[in-house]
């Protein structure tokens, strides 16, 4: 299931933005403070609302008044709307998830939450989940296309007014669409990688199949790949030896006291180094390779500024690996300040953010006639960005 459009209203700097026709690999550029982190935080907010409550997700971000756009009028709401493709009864259909959040008596409430799609070419979208202020219904026989809408089975439910209906109903098999979308949200990976968290000894327990957003289980995932997907681990090692001078191998090693750590072998020395003695860039490159060689790609992967701590000439290869990840089925969104990374990206894969009167606007490179003409003549986007041809992106 790939996200095709994002609509945001009153979410921080995004006063009213509708980003459509999203590619499998999207690169976002813009000056500091234009909203790149906020764009990715939308997915983090939805994930936090799913694992906790909307109130808790808002509190984490400074509460409702800090999340709703500055200048919003009294009574206005926050709207997040995603459209994605999903197979229903053998047909790939465009499904819309909409979440509207309001504040009542100083407390956040889910004003309305819906999942909808069109059952035919014409007519209004069909709602198979529709909740307002904690009350609503979900359809249990949504795939029965022989019935009229009024004959479908609507099961009335109640949830807390600050909770997502998708959270509870999505755990039940009889609500197929809600179940599928909840699974999609749970599988999103919004990277918050910390090199310090990835280093050091780790207990041999916890998630070992997928790298966590902070990377704190890196040795466990490395060992999982080493033992269960040796061909992928071998590919990671080949890439490491090509990109990091001196690194001959990386080994996840179980210590005598039962902890797991990474040992890096430098070809010039007989004794390997523990991960706490290798450079930040080496750790980060290894972590990215582990993430991008996941045997089961995340349906959505968001990474901010992957160029930090990495040698500029490695950006082209890294961009190609992100694109390859998306080709394997995982949608990828990356923000960057690196012209070298941007040089490896196609015109239709780039958008940039511009702030006007405190509000963020989104512009697509493919829609800019000058950029399109320059790229057609053989120019690369990173060089065009440095030359100031991305209109409005320069903070000066």
Protein backbone atom coordinates (compact mmCIF):
# COMPACT_ATOMS: atom_id res chain seq x y z
CA UNK A 1 0.00 0.00 0.00
CA UNK A 2 1.67 3.18 -1.22
CA UNK A 3 0.69 6.68 -0.10
CA UNK A 4 -0.35 8.77 -3.10
CA UNK A 5 -1.30 12.07 -1.49
CA UNK A 6 -1.04 14.00 1.78
CA UNK A 7 -3.33 16.84 2.75
CA UNK A 8 -2.53 18.94 5.83
CA UNK A 9 -4.56 21.75 7.30
CA UNK A 10 -3.45 23.66 10.38
CA UNK A 11 -0.63 21.24 11.23
CA UNK A 12 2.10 23.57 12.50
CA UNK A 13 3.54 25.52 9.55
CA UNK A 14 1.33 23.64 7.06
CA UNK A 15 -1.69 25.96 7.02
CA UNK A 16 -3.23 24.31 3.97
CA UNK A 17 -1.14 22.01 1.78
CA UNK A 18 -2.10 19.19 -0.57
CA UNK A 19 0.80 17.13 -1.93
CA UNK A 20 -0.43 14.75 -4.64
CA UNK A 21 0.89 12.04 -6.95
CA UNK A 22 3.69 11.04 -4.58
CA UNK A 23 6.47 8.91 -6.11
CA UNK A 24 7.94 5.83 -4.48
CA UNK A 25 11.06 7.85 -3.70
CA UNK A 26 10.57 11.49 -2.66
CA UNK A 27 13.39 13.88 -1.74
CA UNK A 28 12.50 17.04 0.18
CA UNK A 29 14.79 20.09 0.29
CA UNK A 30 14.40 23.52 1.80
CA UNK A 31 16.01 26.03 4.11
CA UNK A 32 16.14 25.45 7.85
CA UNK A 33 12.77 26.07 9.47
CA UNK A 34 10.66 25.57 6.36
CA UNK A 35 8.98 22.39 7.65
CA UNK A 36 10.95 19.34 6.47
CA UNK A 37 10.98 17.82 9.95
CA UNK A 38 7.30 18.74 10.42
CA UNK A 39 6.33 16.93 7.21
CA UNK A 40 7.89 13.70 8.46
CA UNK A 41 6.49 14.30 11.94
CA UNK A 42 2.99 13.87 10.54
CA UNK A 43 3.70 10.14 10.25
CA UNK A 44 5.29 10.10 13.70
CA UNK A 45 2.22 11.84 15.12
CA UNK A 46 -0.14 9.27 13.60
CA UNK A 47 2.05 6.43 14.86
CA UNK A 48 2.15 7.93 18.37
CA UNK A 49 -1.64 8.39 18.30
CA UNK A 50 -1.99 4.73 17.36
CA UNK A 51 0.25 3.41 20.12
CA UNK A 52 -1.16 5.82 22.72
CA UNK A 53 -3.84 8.48 22.36
CA UNK A 54 -4.19 11.66 20.33
CA UNK A 55 -3.86 13.60 23.58
CA UNK A 56 -0.52 11.93 24.36
CA UNK A 57 0.75 12.51 20.82
CA UNK A 58 -0.16 16.21 21.08
CA UNK A 59 1.37 16.53 24.56
CA UNK A 60 4.62 15.14 23.18
CA UNK A 61 4.63 18.03 20.71
CA UNK A 62 3.64 20.80 23.14
CA UNK A 63 -0.14 20.20 23.26
CA UNK A 64 -2.89 21.23 20.84
CA UNK A 65 -2.11 24.95 20.84
CA UNK A 66 1.51 24.33 19.83
CA UNK A 67 0.54 21.97 17.01
CA UNK A 68 -2.29 23.91 15.39
CA UNK A 69 -1.01 26.54 12.96
CA UNK A 70 -0.29 29.98 14.38
CA UNK A 71 -2.96 32.35 13.21
CA UNK A 72 -5.67 29.69 13.16
CA UNK A 73 -9.01 31.11 14.26
CA UNK A 74 -10.85 29.98 17.38
CA UNK A 75 -12.72 26.76 16.63
CA UNK A 76 -10.54 25.70 13.69
CA UNK A 77 -9.33 22.13 13.59
CA UNK A 78 -6.26 20.13 12.57
CA UNK A 79 -6.77 17.93 9.52
CA UNK A 80 -4.52 15.10 8.31
CA UNK A 81 -5.66 13.19 5.24
CA UNK A 82 -3.81 10.40 3.45
CA UNK A 83 -4.73 8.62 0.24
CA UNK A 84 -3.22 5.25 -0.55
CA UNK A 85 -3.76 2.28 -2.85
CA UNK A 86 -5.19 -0.92 -1.40
CA UNK A 87 -6.46 -4.11 -3.03
CA UNK A 88 -10.14 -4.74 -2.25
CA UNK A 89 -11.97 -7.67 -3.86
CA UNK A 90 -9.20 -8.07 -6.42
CA UNK A 91 -9.20 -4.41 -7.46
CA UNK A 92 -6.58 -1.80 -6.58
CA UNK A 93 -8.62 1.03 -5.05
CA UNK A 94 -7.77 4.50 -3.83
CA UNK A 95 -8.59 4.68 -0.10
CA UNK A 96 -8.71 7.89 1.95
CA UNK A 97 -7.98 8.10 5.67
CA UNK A 98 -9.05 11.38 7.24
CA UNK A 99 -8.43 12.57 10.79
CA UNK A 100 -9.80 15.86 12.14
CA UNK A 101 -8.80 17.00 15.63
CA UNK A 102 -10.46 19.77 17.63
CA UNK A 103 -10.14 21.25 21.10
CA UNK A 104 -13.18 21.34 23.35
CA UNK A 105 -13.08 22.79 26.87
CA UNK A 106 -9.30 22.81 26.67
CA UNK A 107 -9.09 19.11 25.79
CA UNK A 108 -8.26 17.52 22.41
CA UNK A 109 -10.95 15.38 20.79
CA UNK A 110 -11.18 13.47 17.52
CA UNK A 111 -13.83 15.55 15.77
CA UNK A 112 -14.08 13.05 12.92
CA UNK A 113 -12.17 10.01 11.66
CA UNK A 114 -13.07 8.20 8.44
CA UNK A 115 -11.87 5.53 6.05
CA UNK A 116 -13.54 5.73 2.65
CA UNK A 117 -13.31 4.77 -1.01
CA UNK A 118 -15.56 4.63 -4.08
CA UNK A 119 -17.13 1.24 -4.71
CA UNK A 120 -17.80 2.16 -8.35
CA UNK A 121 -16.69 4.71 -10.91
CA UNK A 122 -19.46 7.11 -9.96
CA UNK A 123 -21.21 8.26 -6.83
CA UNK A 124 -20.09 9.43 -3.45
CA UNK A 125 -17.24 7.74 -1.60
CA UNK A 126 -18.35 4.87 0.60
CA UNK A 127 -17.44 5.15 4.30
CA UNK A 128 -16.51 1.83 5.88
CA UNK A 129 -15.39 3.57 9.09
CA UNK A 130 -16.92 6.80 10.35
CA UNK A 131 -16.49 8.17 13.90
CA UNK A 132 -17.18 11.52 15.54
CA UNK A 133 -16.34 12.41 19.15
CA UNK A 134 -15.89 8.77 20.14
CA UNK A 135 -19.04 7.37 18.52
CA UNK A 136 -19.53 5.81 15.13
CA UNK A 137 -19.61 2.65 13.08
CA UNK A 138 -17.47 0.32 11.03
CA UNK A 139 -18.67 -1.97 8.24
CA UNK A 140 -18.01 -5.69 8.63
CA UNK A 141 -18.97 -6.88 5.12
CA UNK A 142 -17.29 -4.11 3.12
CA UNK A 143 -16.25 -6.54 0.37
CA UNK A 144 -19.82 -7.56 -0.45
CA UNK A 145 -20.16 -5.55 -3.64
CA UNK A 146 -23.47 -7.20 -4.58
CA UNK A 147 -25.29 -5.30 -1.82
CA UNK A 148 -26.47 -1.74 -1.82
CA UNK A 149 -24.81 0.59 0.69
CA UNK A 150 -27.86 0.57 2.95
CA UNK A 151 -27.77 -3.26 3.15
CA UNK A 152 -24.20 -3.44 4.46
CA UNK A 153 -23.66 -4.36 8.08
CA UNK A 154 -22.68 -1.36 10.19
CA UNK A 155 -21.48 -2.23 13.66
CA UNK A 156 -21.91 0.63 16.12
CA UNK A 157 -18.94 1.19 18.44
CA UNK A 158 -17.73 3.66 21.07
CA UNK A 159 -14.15 4.72 21.80
CA UNK A 160 -12.58 7.39 23.99
CA UNK A 161 -13.02 10.81 22.42
CA UNK A 162 -9.23 11.35 22.28
CA UNK A 163 -8.47 7.92 20.80
CA UNK A 164 -8.33 6.71 17.21
CA UNK A 165 -11.08 4.30 16.24
CA UNK A 166 -8.55 2.63 13.96
CA UNK A 167 -6.54 1.71 17.05
CA UNK A 168 -9.11 -0.63 18.57
CA UNK A 169 -11.10 -1.73 15.53
CA UNK A 170 -7.93 -2.30 13.55
CA UNK A 171 -7.07 -5.20 15.84
CA UNK A 172 -10.23 -7.08 14.79
CA UNK A 173 -10.18 -9.22 11.65
CA UNK A 174 -13.82 -8.53 10.81
CA UNK A 175 -12.98 -4.90 10.08
CA UNK A 176 -10.69 -5.68 7.16
CA UNK A 177 -9.94 -2.15 5.93
CA UNK A 178 -9.28 -0.81 9.43
CA UNK A 179 -7.12 -3.85 10.18
CA UNK A 180 -5.07 -3.32 7.01
CA UNK A 181 -4.53 0.40 7.62
CA UNK A 182 -3.55 -0.14 11.25
CA UNK A 183 -0.96 -2.71 10.10
CA UNK A 184 0.33 -0.17 7.58
CA UNK A 185 0.74 2.54 10.24
CA UNK A 186 2.43 0.17 12.67
CA UNK A 187 5.04 -0.68 10.03
CA UNK A 188 6.09 2.90 9.23
CA UNK A 189 9.72 3.69 10.05
CA UNK A 190 10.44 7.36 10.81
CA UNK A 191 14.16 7.38 11.51
CA UNK A 192 15.46 9.12 14.61
CA UNK A 193 18.88 7.48 14.45
CA UNK A 194 21.35 8.23 17.24
CA UNK A 195 24.89 6.98 16.83
CA UNK A 196 25.35 6.86 20.60
CA UNK A 197 22.32 4.59 20.93
CA UNK A 198 23.64 2.20 18.28
CA UNK A 199 27.04 1.73 19.96
CA UNK A 200 27.93 -0.52 22.86
CA UNK A 201 26.89 -3.82 24.34
CA UNK A 202 23.25 -4.87 23.96
CA UNK A 203 21.15 -7.46 25.72
CA UNK A 204 20.23 -10.36 23.47
CA UNK A 205 16.49 -9.65 23.71
CA UNK A 206 14.05 -7.45 21.86
CA UNK A 207 13.30 -6.66 18.25
CA UNK A 208 15.91 -8.32 16.06
CA UNK A 209 14.21 -8.41 12.65
CA UNK A 210 13.94 -4.67 11.99
CA UNK A 211 16.14 -1.75 13.00
CA UNK A 212 14.40 0.54 15.50
CA UNK A 213 14.05 4.26 14.67
CA UNK A 214 16.93 5.13 17.06
CA UNK A 215 19.10 2.21 15.92
CA UNK A 216 19.60 0.95 19.47
CA UNK A 217 19.21 -2.68 18.38
CA UNK A 218 21.79 -2.53 15.58
CA UNK A 219 23.90 -5.50 16.85
CA UNK A 220 20.77 -7.66 17.19
CA UNK A 221 19.58 -6.96 13.65
CA UNK A 222 23.11 -7.49 12.31
CA UNK A 223 23.22 -10.89 13.98
CA UNK A 224 19.74 -11.74 12.64
CA UNK A 225 20.88 -10.96 9.08
CA UNK A 226 24.16 -12.84 9.63
CA UNK A 227 22.35 -15.99 10.79
CA UNK A 228 19.13 -15.95 8.74
CA UNK A 229 19.98 -13.93 5.62
CA UNK A 230 23.71 -14.51 5.06
CA UNK A 231 23.53 -13.34 1.44
CA UNK A 232 22.26 -9.91 2.54
CA UNK A 233 24.85 -9.68 5.30
CA UNK A 234 27.58 -10.57 2.79
CA UNK A 235 26.32 -7.79 0.49
CA UNK A 236 26.49 -5.32 3.39
CA UNK A 237 30.09 -6.31 4.10
CA UNK A 238 31.09 -5.95 0.44
CA UNK A 239 29.65 -2.45 0.38
CA UNK A 240 31.32 -1.53 3.68
CA UNK A 241 34.75 -2.60 2.40
CA UNK A 242 34.23 -0.50 -0.74
CA UNK A 243 33.15 2.66 1.09
CA UNK A 244 34.99 2.71 4.39
CA UNK A 245 38.80 2.64 4.10
CA UNK A 246 40.38 -0.13 6.13
CA UNK A 247 37.19 -2.00 7.11
CA UNK A 248 37.68 -5.65 6.17
CA UNK A 249 34.71 -7.15 8.03
CA UNK A 250 32.07 -6.55 10.68
CA UNK A 251 31.10 -9.28 13.13
CA UNK A 252 28.21 -9.38 15.64
CA UNK A 253 29.89 -11.11 18.60
CA UNK A 254 28.35 -12.53 21.77
CA UNK A 255 30.54 -11.66 24.76
CA UNK A 256 31.36 -14.03 27.60
CA UNK A 257 28.89 -12.30 29.92
CA UNK A 258 26.02 -12.75 27.46
CA UNK A 259 25.89 -9.36 25.72
CA UNK A 260 25.99 -8.67 22.00
CA UNK A 261 28.38 -6.18 20.40
CA UNK A 262 29.80 -5.32 16.99
CA UNK A 263 33.46 -5.81 16.17
CA UNK A 264 35.02 -4.07 13.16
CA UNK A 265 38.10 -5.63 11.57
CA UNK A 266 40.66 -3.29 10.05
CA UNK A 267 42.71 -5.08 7.42
CA UNK A 268 45.89 -3.52 8.78
CA UNK A 269 45.51 -5.03 12.24
CA UNK A 270 45.04 -8.53 13.62
CA UNK A 271 42.81 -7.52 16.52
CA UNK A 272 39.30 -6.20 15.70
CA UNK A 273 37.95 -2.96 17.18
CA UNK A 274 34.80 -2.73 19.27
CA UNK A 275 32.17 -0.42 17.79
CA UNK A 276 32.83 2.28 20.38
CA UNK A 277 36.29 2.82 18.86
CA UNK A 278 35.22 3.31 15.22
CA UNK A 279 34.11 6.59 13.67
CA UNK A 280 30.57 7.97 13.71
CA UNK A 281 30.47 7.76 9.93
CA UNK A 282 31.40 4.08 9.97
CA UNK A 283 28.61 3.26 12.42
CA UNK A 284 26.09 5.31 10.47
CA UNK A 285 27.01 3.77 7.11
CA UNK A 286 26.70 0.27 8.57
CA UNK A 287 23.33 1.15 10.13
CA UNK A 288 21.97 2.51 6.82
CA UNK A 289 23.09 -0.61 5.00
CA UNK A 290 21.41 -2.80 7.60
CA UNK A 291 18.22 -0.73 7.32
CA UNK A 292 18.19 -0.74 3.51
CA UNK A 293 18.89 -4.47 3.28
CA UNK A 294 15.89 -5.38 5.43
CA UNK A 295 14.38 -8.55 3.86
CA UNK A 296 10.88 -7.13 4.51
CA UNK A 297 10.95 -3.40 3.61
CA UNK A 298 8.85 -0.99 5.65
CA UNK A 299 5.87 0.32 3.64
CA UNK A 300 7.11 3.82 4.50
CA UNK A 301 10.65 4.87 5.38
CA UNK A 302 11.40 8.49 6.36
CA UNK A 303 15.01 9.63 6.87
CA UNK A 304 16.23 13.15 7.65
CA UNK A 305 19.56 14.43 6.33
CA UNK A 306 21.33 11.10 5.75
CA UNK A 307 24.45 12.99 4.63
CA UNK A 308 25.47 13.91 8.19
CA UNK A 309 28.80 12.26 9.20
CA UNK A 310 29.17 10.69 5.74
CA UNK A 311 31.71 11.49 3.02
CA UNK A 312 30.08 13.59 0.24
CA UNK A 313 31.13 11.24 -2.57
CA UNK A 314 29.07 8.46 -1.00
CA UNK A 315 25.82 10.37 -1.54
CA UNK A 316 25.21 9.14 -5.09
CA UNK A 317 25.43 5.49 -4.03
CA UNK A 318 23.25 6.13 -0.99
CA UNK A 319 20.55 7.82 -3.08
CA UNK A 320 20.56 4.87 -5.47
CA UNK A 321 20.15 2.47 -2.54
CA UNK A 322 17.16 4.42 -1.21
CA UNK A 323 15.59 4.21 -4.67
CA UNK A 324 16.31 0.47 -4.85
CA UNK A 325 14.59 0.08 -1.47
CA UNK A 326 11.49 1.78 -2.87
CA UNK A 327 11.63 -0.48 -5.93
CA UNK A 328 11.45 -3.47 -3.56
CA UNK A 329 8.16 -2.16 -2.20
CA UNK A 330 9.01 0.36 0.51
CA UNK A 331 8.05 3.98 -0.10
CA UNK A 332 10.92 6.32 0.84
CA UNK A 333 10.96 9.99 1.85
CA UNK A 334 14.29 11.71 2.49
CA UNK A 335 15.11 15.28 3.44
CA UNK A 336 18.55 16.62 2.57
CA UNK A 337 20.83 19.65 2.38
CA UNK A 338 23.35 17.78 0.21
CA UNK A 339 23.81 18.88 -3.42
CA UNK A 340 25.68 15.60 -4.00
CA UNK A 341 22.64 13.59 -2.88
CA UNK A 342 20.35 15.79 -4.98
CA UNK A 343 22.55 15.22 -8.06
CA UNK A 344 21.55 11.53 -7.97
CA UNK A 345 17.80 12.25 -7.92
CA UNK A 346 15.33 12.49 -10.80
CA UNK A 347 13.20 15.57 -11.51
CA UNK A 348 9.90 13.90 -10.56
CA UNK A 349 11.38 12.72 -7.25
CA UNK A 350 12.05 16.20 -5.81
CA UNK A 351 9.98 18.80 -4.01
CA UNK A 352 11.06 21.83 -2.02
CA UNK A 353 9.52 23.79 0.81
CA UNK A 354 9.16 27.57 0.92
CA UNK A 355 7.87 29.65 3.81
CA UNK A 356 5.62 32.61 3.04
CA UNK A 357 4.06 34.72 5.81
CA UNK A 358 4.82 31.98 8.35
CA UNK A 359 3.17 29.23 6.30
CA UNK A 360 4.89 26.47 4.33
CA UNK A 361 4.27 25.95 0.63
CA UNK A 362 5.29 22.84 -1.31
CA UNK A 363 6.66 23.06 -4.84
CA UNK A 364 7.44 20.20 -7.20
CA UNK A 365 10.57 20.25 -9.36
CA UNK A 366 8.73 18.60 -12.26
CA UNK A 367 6.29 21.54 -12.38
CA UNK A 368 9.03 24.17 -12.74
CA UNK A 369 9.59 24.85 -16.43
CA UNK A 370 13.08 26.27 -15.97
CA UNK A 371 14.28 23.31 -13.89
CA UNK A 372 12.73 20.85 -16.34
CA UNK A 373 14.46 22.55 -19.27
CA UNK A 374 17.84 22.56 -17.50
CA UNK A 375 17.57 18.88 -16.56
CA UNK A 376 16.59 18.04 -20.15
CA UNK A 377 19.84 19.71 -21.24
CA UNK A 378 21.84 17.48 -18.89
CA UNK A 379 22.13 19.61 -15.74
CA UNK A 380 21.91 17.95 -12.34
CA UNK A 381 19.51 19.11 -9.65
CA UNK A 382 22.17 19.58 -6.97
CA UNK A 383 24.07 22.06 -9.12
CA UNK A 384 20.84 23.86 -10.03
CA UNK A 385 19.96 24.14 -6.36
CA UNK A 386 23.38 25.65 -5.53
CA UNK A 387 22.90 28.15 -8.36
CA UNK A 388 19.66 29.37 -6.75
CA UNK A 389 17.26 28.07 -9.40
CA UNK A 390 14.89 26.52 -6.86
CA UNK A 391 12.65 29.56 -6.59
CA UNK A 392 12.21 30.81 -3.03
CA UNK A 393 14.29 28.11 -1.35
CA UNK A 394 17.19 30.40 -0.44
CA UNK A 395 16.55 31.91 3.01
CA UNK A 396 18.29 35.10 1.87
